[in-house]
C-alpha atoms as a PDB file:
ATOM      1  CA  MET A   1     121.019  85.614 129.041  1.00  0.00           C
ATOM      2  CA  ASN A   2     118.063  87.240 127.272  1.00  0.00           C
ATOM      3  CA  SER A   3     118.140  88.821 123.791  1.00  0.00           C
ATOM      4  CA  VAL A   4     118.489  92.385 125.121  1.00  0.00           C
ATOM      5  CA  GLU A   5     121.536  91.439 127.229  1.00  0.00           C
ATOM      6  CA  PHE A   6     123.026  89.596 124.236  1.00  0.00           C
ATOM      7  CA  ILE A   7     122.646  92.657 121.994  1.00  0.00           C
ATOM      8  CA  GLN A   8     124.105  94.961 124.656  1.00  0.00           C
ATOM      9  CA  GLU A   9     127.079  92.657 125.241  1.00  0.00           C
ATOM     10  CA  HIS A  10     127.830  92.239 121.524  1.00  0.00           C
ATOM     11  CA  ALA A  11     126.697  95.671 120.331  1.00  0.00           C
ATOM     12  CA  HIS A  12     130.184  96.585 119.043  1.00  0.00           C
ATOM     13  CA  HIS A  13     129.891  93.731 116.523  1.00  0.00           C
ATOM     14  CA  ALA A  14     126.297  94.520 115.579  1.00  0.00           C
ATOM     15  CA  HIS A  15     127.234  95.714 112.084  1.00  0.00           C
ATOM     16  CA  TRP A  16     128.652  92.259 111.256  1.00  0.00           C
ATOM     17  CA  PHE A  17     125.506  90.548 112.531  1.00  0.00           C
ATOM     18  CA  VAL A  18     123.388  92.915 110.455  1.00  0.00           C
ATOM     19  CA  PHE A  19     125.431  92.366 107.298  1.00  0.00           C
ATOM     20  CA  GLY A  20     125.409  88.585 107.744  1.00  0.00           C
ATOM     21  CA  GLY A  21     121.675  88.567 108.435  1.00  0.00           C
ATOM     22  CA  ALA A  22     121.012  90.521 105.241  1.00  0.00           C
ATOM     23  CA  LEU A  23     123.012  87.991 103.203  1.00  0.00           C
ATOM     24  CA  LEU A  24     120.964  85.149 104.719  1.00  0.00           C
ATOM     25  CA  ALA A  25     117.793  87.004 103.694  1.00  0.00           C
ATOM     26  CA  GLY A  26     119.088  87.031 100.107  1.00  0.00           C
ATOM     27  CA  LEU A  27     119.384  83.246 100.311  1.00  0.00           C
ATOM     28  CA  ASN A  28     115.699  83.161 101.335  1.00  0.00           C
ATOM     29  CA  PHE A  29     116.325  82.250 104.964  1.00  0.00           C
ATOM     30  CA  PRO A  30     113.495  83.478 107.233  1.00  0.00           C
ATOM     31  CA  MET A  31     115.368  86.679 108.101  1.00  0.00           C
ATOM     32  CA  SER A  32     113.576  90.037 108.047  1.00  0.00           C
ATOM     33  CA  ILE A  33     115.512  92.870 106.400  1.00  0.00           C
ATOM     34  CA  ASP A  34     113.042  95.306 107.955  1.00  0.00           C
ATOM     35  CA  LEU A  35     113.781  94.088 111.494  1.00  0.00           C
ATOM     36  CA  LEU A  36     117.505  94.314 110.776  1.00  0.00           C
ATOM     37  CA  MET A  37     117.000  97.902 109.633  1.00  0.00           C
ATOM     38  CA  ILE A  38     115.032  98.808 112.768  1.00  0.00           C
ATOM     39  CA  ALA A  39     117.582  97.105 115.049  1.00  0.00           C
ATOM     40  CA  SER A  40     120.520  98.867 113.335  1.00  0.00           C
ATOM     41  CA  ALA A  41     119.002 102.320 113.657  1.00  0.00           C
ATOM     42  CA  ILE A  42     117.824 101.837 117.256  1.00  0.00           C
ATOM     43  CA  ILE A  43     121.218 100.451 118.361  1.00  0.00           C
ATOM     44  CA  ALA A  44     122.956 103.402 116.678  1.00  0.00           C
ATOM     45  CA  ALA A  45     120.650 105.881 118.399  1.00  0.00           C
ATOM     46  CA  THR A  46     120.611 104.370 121.881  1.00  0.00           C
ATOM     47  CA  MET A  47     123.795 102.306 122.391  1.00  0.00           C
ATOM     48  CA  LEU A  48     126.500 103.092 119.845  1.00  0.00           C
ATOM     49  CA  PRO A  49     126.122 106.573 118.338  1.00  0.00           C
ATOM     50  CA  GLU A  50     129.831 106.465 117.446  1.00  0.00           C
ATOM     51  CA  HIS A  51     129.120 103.432 115.208  1.00  0.00           C
ATOM     52  CA  THR A  52     126.192 104.997 113.349  1.00  0.00           C
ATOM     53  CA  LEU A  53     128.052 105.060 110.023  1.00  0.00           C
ATOM     54  CA  HIS A  54     129.210 101.437 110.440  1.00  0.00           C
ATOM     55  CA  LEU A  55     125.658 100.291 111.118  1.00  0.00           C
ATOM     56  CA  PHE A  56     124.201 102.252 108.211  1.00  0.00           C
ATOM     57  CA  LEU A  57     126.828 100.938 105.790  1.00  0.00           C
ATOM     58  CA  ALA A  58     126.275  97.387 107.084  1.00  0.00           C
ATOM     59  CA  ILE A  59     122.536  97.462 106.376  1.00  0.00           C
ATOM     60  CA  TRP A  60     122.982  99.297 103.061  1.00  0.00           C
ATOM     61  CA  LEU A  61     125.725  97.016 101.715  1.00  0.00           C
ATOM     62  CA  GLY A  62     123.952  93.980 103.144  1.00  0.00           C
ATOM     63  CA  CYS A  63     120.729  94.860 101.335  1.00  0.00           C
ATOM     64  CA  LEU A  64     122.570  95.476  98.069  1.00  0.00           C
ATOM     65  CA  SER A  65     124.437  92.159  98.313  1.00  0.00           C
ATOM     66  CA  SER A  66     121.244  90.367  99.334  1.00  0.00           C
ATOM     67  CA  ALA A  67     119.517  91.607  96.176  1.00  0.00           C
ATOM     68  CA  TRP A  68     122.421  90.450  93.998  1.00  0.00           C
ATOM     69  CA  ILE A  69     122.243  86.974  95.589  1.00  0.00           C
ATOM     70  CA  SER A  70     118.499  86.757  94.886  1.00  0.00           C
ATOM     71  CA  TYR A  71     119.090  87.934  91.294  1.00  0.00           C
ATOM     72  CA  ALA A  72     121.757  85.235  90.801  1.00  0.00           C
ATOM     73  CA  ILE A  73     119.468  82.549  92.234  1.00  0.00           C
ATOM     74  CA  GLY A  74     116.665  83.652  89.923  1.00  0.00           C
ATOM     75  CA  LYS A  75     118.937  83.654  86.873  1.00  0.00           C
ATOM     76  CA  THR A  76     120.592  80.287  87.524  1.00  0.00           C
ATOM     77  CA  ALA A  77     117.866  78.246  89.213  1.00  0.00           C
ATOM     78  CA  GLY A  78     114.679  80.313  89.012  1.00  0.00           C
ATOM     79  CA  VAL A  79     112.791  78.029  86.630  1.00  0.00           C
ATOM     80  CA  LYS A  80     113.485  74.924  88.755  1.00  0.00           C
ATOM     81  CA  LEU A  81     112.624  76.752  91.993  1.00  0.00           C
ATOM     82  CA  ALA A  82     109.331  77.986  90.534  1.00  0.00           C
ATOM     83  CA  ASN A  83     108.169  74.359  90.394  1.00  0.00           C
ATOM     84  CA  THR A  84     109.031  73.547  94.014  1.00  0.00           C
ATOM     85  CA  ARG A  85     106.468  73.694  96.809  1.00  0.00           C
ATOM     86  CA  THR A  86     108.440  76.337  98.759  1.00  0.00           C
ATOM     87  CA  PHE A  87     108.673  78.853  95.904  1.00  0.00           C
ATOM     88  CA  LYS A  88     105.513  78.003  93.982  1.00  0.00           C
ATOM     89  CA  LYS A  89     103.514  80.899  95.471  1.00  0.00           C
ATOM     90  CA  VAL A  90     106.397  83.384  95.544  1.00  0.00           C
ATOM     91  CA  LEU A  91     107.394  82.684  91.936  1.00  0.00           C
ATOM     92  CA  ALA A  92     103.937  81.955  90.549  1.00  0.00           C
ATOM     93  CA  PRO A  93     103.721  82.638  86.776  1.00  0.00           C
ATOM     94  CA  GLU A  94     100.959  85.257  87.254  1.00  0.00           C
ATOM     95  CA  ARG A  95     103.031  87.103  89.844  1.00  0.00           C
ATOM     96  CA  LEU A  96     106.127  87.057  87.638  1.00  0.00           C
ATOM     97  CA  GLU A  97     104.101  88.312  84.677  1.00  0.00           C
ATOM     98  CA  ARG A  98     102.685  91.132  86.812  1.00  0.00           C
ATOM     99  CA  ILE A  99     106.167  92.182  87.942  1.00  0.00           C
ATOM    100  CA  LYS A 100     107.435  92.028  84.347  1.00  0.00           C
ATOM    101  CA  ASN A 101     104.611  94.343  83.273  1.00  0.00           C
ATOM    102  CA  PHE A 102     105.558  96.732  86.081  1.00  0.00           C
ATOM    103  CA  TYR A 103     109.146  96.758  84.768  1.00  0.00           C
ATOM    104  CA  GLN A 104     108.017  97.673  81.288  1.00  0.00           C
ATOM    105  CA  LYS A 105     105.532 100.290  82.450  1.00  0.00           C
ATOM    106  CA  PHE A 106     107.266 101.975  85.391  1.00  0.00           C
ATOM    107  CA  GLY A 107     110.966 101.136  84.970  1.00  0.00           C
ATOM    108  CA  ILE A 108     113.060 102.138  87.989  1.00  0.00           C
ATOM    109  CA  TRP A 109     109.948 103.035  90.014  1.00  0.00           C
ATOM    110  CA  THR A 110     109.245  99.298  90.237  1.00  0.00           C
ATOM    111  CA  PHE A 111     112.417  98.956  92.320  1.00  0.00           C
ATOM    112  CA  ILE A 112     111.880 102.105  94.383  1.00  0.00           C
ATOM    113  CA  VAL A 113     108.316 101.151  95.345  1.00  0.00           C
ATOM    114  CA  GLY A 114     109.261  97.470  95.684  1.00  0.00           C
ATOM    115  CA  ARG A 115     111.990  98.302  98.202  1.00  0.00           C
ATOM    116  CA  PHE A 116     109.366  99.752 100.556  1.00  0.00           C
ATOM    117  CA  ILE A 117     107.114  96.672 100.409  1.00  0.00           C
ATOM    118  CA  PRO A 118     108.032  93.938 102.947  1.00  0.00           C
ATOM    119  CA  PHE A 119     106.857  90.307 103.345  1.00  0.00           C
ATOM    120  CA  GLY A 120     108.864  88.639 100.571  1.00  0.00           C
ATOM    121  CA  VAL A 121     107.966  91.063  97.765  1.00  0.00           C
ATOM    122  CA  ARG A 122     111.562  92.267  97.451  1.00  0.00           C
ATOM    123  CA  ASN A 123     113.068  88.813  96.983  1.00  0.00           C
ATOM    124  CA  CYS A 124     110.371  87.982  94.441  1.00  0.00           C
ATOM    125  CA  LEU A 125     111.257  91.203  92.626  1.00  0.00           C
ATOM    126  CA  PHE A 126     114.979  90.415  92.602  1.00  0.00           C
ATOM    127  CA  MET A 127     114.624  86.750  91.654  1.00  0.00           C
ATOM    128  CA  SER A 128     112.172  87.556  88.892  1.00  0.00           C
ATOM    129  CA  SER A 129     114.667  90.119  87.566  1.00  0.00           C
ATOM    130  CA  GLY A 130     117.166  87.306  87.153  1.00  0.00           C
ATOM    131  CA  MET A 131     114.573  84.978  85.646  1.00  0.00           C
ATOM    132  CA  SER A 132     113.502  87.692  83.192  1.00  0.00           C
ATOM    133  CA  ALA A 133     117.135  88.041  82.054  1.00  0.00           C
ATOM    134  CA  ILE A 134     117.256  91.745  82.867  1.00  0.00           C
ATOM    135  CA  PRO A 135     120.895  92.786  82.256  1.00  0.00           C
ATOM    136  CA  PHE A 136     122.840  92.686  85.537  1.00  0.00           C
ATOM    137  CA  ARG A 137     124.256  96.188  85.013  1.00  0.00           C
ATOM    138  CA  GLN A 138     120.775  97.594  84.600  1.00  0.00           C
ATOM    139  CA  PHE A 139     119.599  95.702  87.664  1.00  0.00           C
ATOM    140  CA  VAL A 140     122.540  96.936  89.765  1.00  0.00           C
ATOM    141  CA  TRP A 141     122.092 100.633  89.061  1.00  0.00           C
ATOM    142  CA  ARG A 142     118.296 100.551  89.337  1.00  0.00           C
ATOM    143  CA  ASP A 143     118.215  98.627  92.580  1.00  0.00           C
ATOM    144  CA  GLY A 144     121.292 100.480  93.849  1.00  0.00           C
ATOM    145  CA  LEU A 145     119.421 103.775  93.646  1.00  0.00           C
ATOM    146  CA  ALA A 146     116.261 102.257  95.129  1.00  0.00           C
ATOM    147  CA  CYS A 147     118.221 100.631  97.966  1.00  0.00           C
ATOM    148  CA  THR A 148     120.010 103.897  98.773  1.00  0.00           C
ATOM    149  CA  ILE A 149     116.704 105.782  98.967  1.00  0.00           C
ATOM    150  CA  TRP A 150     115.042 103.069 101.081  1.00  0.00           C
ATOM    151  CA  SER A 151     118.014 102.656 103.435  1.00  0.00           C
ATOM    152  CA  SER A 152     118.460 106.405 103.957  1.00  0.00           C
ATOM    153  CA  VAL A 153     114.775 107.093 104.605  1.00  0.00           C
ATOM    154  CA  CYS A 154     114.197 104.111 106.930  1.00  0.00           C
ATOM    155  CA  PHE A 155     117.463 104.396 108.863  1.00  0.00           C
ATOM    156  CA  THR A 156     116.942 108.124 109.452  1.00  0.00           C
ATOM    157  CA  ALA A 157     113.331 107.605 110.567  1.00  0.00           C
ATOM    158  CA  PHE A 158     114.102 104.773 113.002  1.00  0.00           C
ATOM    159  CA  TYR A 159     117.229 106.560 114.263  1.00  0.00           C
ATOM    160  CA  ALA A 160     115.084 109.588 115.110  1.00  0.00           C
ATOM    161  CA  LEU A 161     112.575 107.279 116.793  1.00  0.00           C
ATOM    162  CA  GLY A 162     115.372 105.734 118.859  1.00  0.00           C
ATOM    163  CA  LYS A 163     116.638 109.149 119.907  1.00  0.00           C
ATOM    164  CA  ASN A 164     113.165 110.084 121.140  1.00  0.00           C
ATOM    165  CA  ILE A 165     112.250 106.713 122.614  1.00  0.00           C
ATOM    166  CA  ASP A 166     111.932 108.100 126.169  1.00  0.00           C
ATOM    167  CA  LEU A 167     109.635 110.901 125.006  1.00  0.00           C
ATOM    168  CA  LEU A 168     107.617 108.409 122.958  1.00  0.00           C
ATOM    169  CA  TYR A 169     107.344 106.078 125.948  1.00  0.00           C
ATOM    170  CA  THR A 170     106.119 108.975 128.118  1.00  0.00           C
ATOM    171  CA  GLN A 171     103.512 109.931 125.524  1.00  0.00           C
ATOM    172  CA  VAL A 172     102.334 106.324 125.222  1.00  0.00           C
ATOM    173  CA  LYS A 173     101.980 106.126 129.010  1.00  0.00           C
ATOM    174  CA  LEU A 174     100.000 109.383 128.998  1.00  0.00           C
ATOM    175  CA  LEU A 175      97.792 108.103 126.175  1.00  0.00           C
ATOM    176  CA  ASN A 176      97.159 104.851 128.058  1.00  0.00           C
ATOM    177  CA  ALA A 177      96.260 106.830 131.183  1.00  0.00           C
ATOM    178  CA  LEU A 178      93.814 108.984 129.198  1.00  0.00           C
ATOM    179  CA  ILE A 179      92.214 105.921 127.585  1.00  0.00           C
ATOM    180  CA  PHE A 180      91.895 104.227 130.979  1.00  0.00           C
ATOM    181  CA  GLY A 181      90.416 107.415 132.474  1.00  0.00           C
ATOM    182  CA  ALA A 182      87.898 107.710 129.635  1.00  0.00           C
ATOM    183  CA  PHE A 183      86.957 104.040 130.124  1.00  0.00           C
ATOM    184  CA  VAL A 184      86.375 104.522 133.880  1.00  0.00           C
ATOM    185  CA  VAL A 185      84.275 107.647 133.272  1.00  0.00           C
ATOM    186  CA  THR A 186      82.212 105.777 130.641  1.00  0.00           C
ATOM    187  CA  VAL A 187      81.583 102.837 132.981  1.00  0.00           C
ATOM    188  CA  ILE A 188      80.565 105.120 135.867  1.00  0.00           C
ATOM    189  CA  ALA A 189      78.316 107.215 133.614  1.00  0.00           C
ATOM    190  CA  SER A 190      76.685 104.083 132.170  1.00  0.00           C
ATOM    191  CA  PHE A 191      76.103 102.641 135.656  1.00  0.00           C
ATOM    192  CA  TRP A 192      74.644 105.951 136.899  1.00  0.00           C
ATOM    193  CA  TYR A 193      72.368 106.241 133.828  1.00  0.00           C
ATOM    194  CA  LYS A 194      70.985 102.703 134.328  1.00  0.00           C
ATOM    195  CA  LYS A 195      70.337 103.363 138.019  1.00  0.00           C
ATOM    196  CA  LYS A 196      68.589 106.619 137.216  1.00  0.00           C
ATOM    197  CA  LYS A 197      66.495 104.951 134.500  1.00  0.00           C
ATOM    198  CA  GLN A 198      65.483 102.146 136.872  1.00  0.00           C
ATOM    199  CA  ALA A 199      64.531 104.684 139.575  1.00  0.00           C
ATOM    200  CA  SER A 200      62.419 106.749 137.153  1.00  0.00           C
ATOM    201  CA  SER A 201      60.616 103.629 135.860  1.00  0.00           C
ATOM    202  CA  LYS A 202      59.598 102.721 139.412  1.00  0.00           C
ATOM    203  CA  ASP A 203      58.114 106.172 139.914  1.00  0.00           C
END
């Protein structure tokens, strides 16, 4: 059974998979929140439109809980983790200092912008919040707003993409055909030009 068949067969439980995956991401397992977001929205648009709310709530609550887990890890074990090989780059002192300066300068915008940056930046942001002893209440409302904005924007965008996937596929096919046609014309024109140049040089 391939991955597509697995998703189709278990689609009605997708929201639990999404929520669980988000929690694993908070524990720094190699799980992409962004891929979970894309999968949730596409499944809602193409397979289970009646479960759209369940899938959105799963990714939203999962992302919130994931951030709280990272905050707790940073607060309780951040200093020790910063000295380990795995976290040395993620929790490098310069990076933490830079994030702390962002907090002081931009406040909540640090969380809003940070939510839209993938590749481990979010977890670094959340863990450093715990390490910097930012009050949990302040962290919750700031990241809660940022997470709501990020989840709403991304889910809506990928849901719309899923709804128009057939149209998008048709346009991609047309674009590929045009590119291939332009390539063929270029090759023929180049070949004809060389032949003509060779013929004129002989004359």
